[in-house]
Amino acid sequence: MSPEPQSPRRAALDGILDRLLRIAGGAVAVVAAVVTATLELLLSMLRVGGHLIGVSVLVAVLANLFLSWFAYRTVGRRWAVALPAVPWFGLMVVASGKTSEGDILLAGDNWVGIVMIFAGSMAFAVMAFRLMLAPRPGTYPRRPGPLPPPSRPAG
């Protein structure tokens, strides 16, 4: 038995709900980018035995890869990778500047902060590049199945 066709009203409601969920997914990606960027900035100054450790670099790479994937999957568009990337990078730029009191969150002599900005940006760039190279669904013909066995000549 084939499933019953949807009524036009139900189809319209499904379309509206889908759009709202995509918008909510994009908003979650933006908020999560701000939260993870703040966490990474706090971790960039973490020291063990007086020496900086690079845990924020690892957090930046993993979080940004996940945020890119999440934004793409929830919004359903390739450009959605920019949703978490723009506020994350914007917060890093603001954090590397001086406040009116002269405070700096990311000092130039903090190698962890510099590597974190580079590695985090590269994580977004790699995900965006991979999505640009990925074929769109339905654009390539299906791969043919296995070839039939060769026929034997009579005789």
Protein backbone atom coordinates (compact mmCIF):
# COMPACT_ATOMS: atom_id res chain seq x y z
CA MET A 1 0.00 0.00 0.00
CA SER A 2 1.23 3.46 -0.82
CA PRO A 3 1.19 6.16 1.85
CA GLU A 4 -1.66 8.62 1.80
CA PRO A 5 -0.77 11.90 0.07
CA GLN A 6 -0.39 14.94 2.32
CA SER A 7 -3.01 17.62 2.29
CA PRO A 8 -1.88 21.06 1.03
CA ARG A 9 -2.42 22.49 4.51
CA ARG A 10 -0.20 19.82 6.09
CA ALA A 11 2.49 20.35 3.45
CA ALA A 12 2.46 24.12 4.10
CA LEU A 13 2.70 23.54 7.85
CA ASP A 14 5.62 21.15 7.34
CA GLY A 15 7.37 23.77 5.18
CA ILE A 16 6.94 26.47 7.82
CA LEU A 17 8.12 24.15 10.59
CA ASP A 18 11.15 23.12 8.52
CA ARG A 19 12.09 26.75 7.91
CA LEU A 20 11.72 27.62 11.60
CA LEU A 21 13.91 24.68 12.63
CA ARG A 22 16.58 25.74 10.13
CA ILE A 23 16.54 29.30 11.49
CA ALA A 24 16.76 27.97 15.06
CA GLY A 25 19.68 25.71 14.06
CA GLY A 26 21.52 28.69 12.58
CA ALA A 27 20.89 30.74 15.72
CA VAL A 28 22.19 27.90 17.91
CA ALA A 29 25.34 27.71 15.75
CA VAL A 30 25.97 31.45 16.18
CA VAL A 31 25.44 31.38 19.95
CA ALA A 32 27.59 28.26 20.29
CA ALA A 33 30.37 29.96 18.33
CA VAL A 34 30.37 32.91 20.73
CA VAL A 35 30.35 30.59 23.75
CA THR A 36 33.18 28.38 22.46
CA ALA A 37 35.25 31.41 21.40
CA THR A 38 34.91 32.81 24.91
CA LEU A 39 35.93 29.48 26.41
CA GLU A 40 38.91 29.26 24.05
CA LEU A 41 40.01 32.78 25.03
CA LEU A 42 39.88 31.84 28.70
CA LEU A 43 41.82 28.63 28.07
CA SER A 44 44.48 30.41 26.00
CA MET A 45 45.99 31.79 29.21
CA LEU A 46 46.01 28.44 31.02
CA ARG A 47 49.38 27.60 32.48
CA VAL A 48 50.79 24.47 34.06
CA GLY A 49 53.96 24.95 36.08
CA GLY A 50 54.27 28.51 34.78
CA HIS A 51 54.23 27.45 31.13
CA LEU A 52 51.45 28.05 28.64
CA ILE A 53 49.75 24.89 27.41
CA GLY A 54 47.96 24.74 24.10
CA VAL A 55 44.69 23.15 25.18
CA SER A 56 42.71 26.05 23.67
CA VAL A 57 44.15 25.22 20.23
CA LEU A 58 42.73 21.72 20.41
CA VAL A 59 39.39 23.03 21.70
CA ALA A 60 39.28 25.62 18.89
CA VAL A 61 39.91 23.08 16.15
CA LEU A 62 37.48 20.47 17.44
CA ALA A 63 34.75 22.99 18.32
CA ASN A 64 35.02 24.82 15.00
CA LEU A 65 34.91 21.60 12.99
CA PHE A 66 31.82 20.54 14.92
CA LEU A 67 30.18 23.97 14.62
CA SER A 68 30.76 23.99 10.86
CA TRP A 69 29.25 20.54 10.49
CA PHE A 70 26.34 21.44 12.78
CA ALA A 71 25.53 24.67 10.92
CA TYR A 72 25.59 22.91 7.55
CA ARG A 73 23.44 20.01 8.74
CA THR A 74 20.84 22.13 10.52
CA VAL A 75 20.52 24.93 7.98
CA GLY A 76 20.96 22.66 4.98
CA ARG A 77 23.00 25.15 2.94
CA ARG A 78 26.71 25.30 2.27
CA TRP A 79 26.95 28.98 3.16
CA ALA A 80 25.83 28.10 6.69
CA VAL A 81 29.47 27.42 7.62
CA ALA A 82 29.83 31.21 7.78
CA LEU A 83 27.21 31.46 10.55
CA PRO A 84 29.57 30.29 13.33
CA ALA A 85 32.76 31.41 11.57
CA VAL A 86 31.96 35.13 11.40
CA PRO A 87 31.14 35.71 15.10
CA TRP A 88 34.01 33.44 16.19
CA PHE A 89 36.55 35.33 14.13
CA GLY A 90 35.01 38.67 15.06
CA LEU A 91 35.38 37.86 18.74
CA MET A 92 39.01 36.85 18.19
CA VAL A 93 39.73 40.16 16.46
CA VAL A 94 38.10 42.12 19.28
CA ALA A 95 39.98 40.07 21.88
CA SER A 96 43.32 40.79 20.25
CA GLY A 97 42.81 44.56 20.50
CA LYS A 98 43.31 46.78 23.54
CA THR A 99 40.49 47.99 25.72
CA SER A 100 40.24 51.65 26.75
CA GLU A 101 42.08 50.70 29.96
CA GLY A 102 44.88 49.06 27.97
CA ASP A 103 43.93 45.45 28.75
CA ILE A 104 44.54 42.77 26.12
CA LEU A 105 42.98 39.31 26.14
CA LEU A 106 45.36 37.93 23.54
CA ALA A 107 48.82 39.41 23.88
CA GLY A 108 51.33 39.25 21.05
CA ASP A 109 53.71 37.20 23.18
CA ASN A 110 51.04 34.54 23.85
CA TRP A 111 51.90 31.87 21.30
CA VAL A 112 48.80 29.87 22.24
CA GLY A 113 46.47 32.70 21.26
CA ILE A 114 48.14 33.22 17.90
CA VAL A 115 48.12 29.51 17.08
CA MET A 116 44.53 29.24 18.32
CA ILE A 117 43.35 31.97 15.93
CA PHE A 118 45.23 30.39 13.03
CA ALA A 119 44.13 26.81 13.74
CA GLY A 120 40.53 27.79 14.48
CA SER A 121 40.29 29.80 11.27
CA MET A 122 41.81 26.94 9.31
CA ALA A 123 39.24 24.54 10.74
CA PHE A 124 36.44 26.71 9.36
CA ALA A 125 38.29 27.09 6.05
CA VAL A 126 38.82 23.35 5.67
CA MET A 127 35.16 22.60 6.32
CA ALA A 128 34.05 25.30 3.87
CA PHE A 129 36.45 24.00 1.22
CA ARG A 130 35.27 20.41 1.70
CA LEU A 131 31.67 21.53 1.28
CA MET A 132 32.56 23.43 -1.90
CA LEU A 133 34.13 20.29 -3.36
CA ALA A 134 31.31 17.96 -2.32
CA PRO A 135 28.90 17.22 -5.16
CA ARG A 136 25.34 18.32 -4.68
CA PRO A 137 22.90 15.47 -4.28
CA GLY A 138 21.55 14.38 -7.64
CA THR A 139 24.11 16.24 -9.78
CA TYR A 140 26.16 13.22 -10.76
CA PRO A 141 24.71 10.17 -12.44
CA ARG A 142 24.49 7.05 -10.37
CA ARG A 143 27.42 4.73 -10.62
CA PRO A 144 26.59 1.80 -12.85
CA GLY A 145 26.34 -1.62 -11.31
CA PRO A 146 28.75 -4.46 -12.03
CA LEU A 147 29.28 -5.43 -15.65
CA PRO A 148 27.53 -8.59 -16.83
CA PRO A 149 29.77 -11.59 -17.35
CA PRO A 150 31.19 -11.92 -20.87
CA SER A 151 29.19 -14.12 -23.18
CA ARG A 152 30.86 -17.31 -24.44
CA PRO A 153 31.06 -17.72 -28.20
CA ALA A 154 29.08 -20.65 -29.53
CA GLY A 155 31.01 -23.36 -31.07
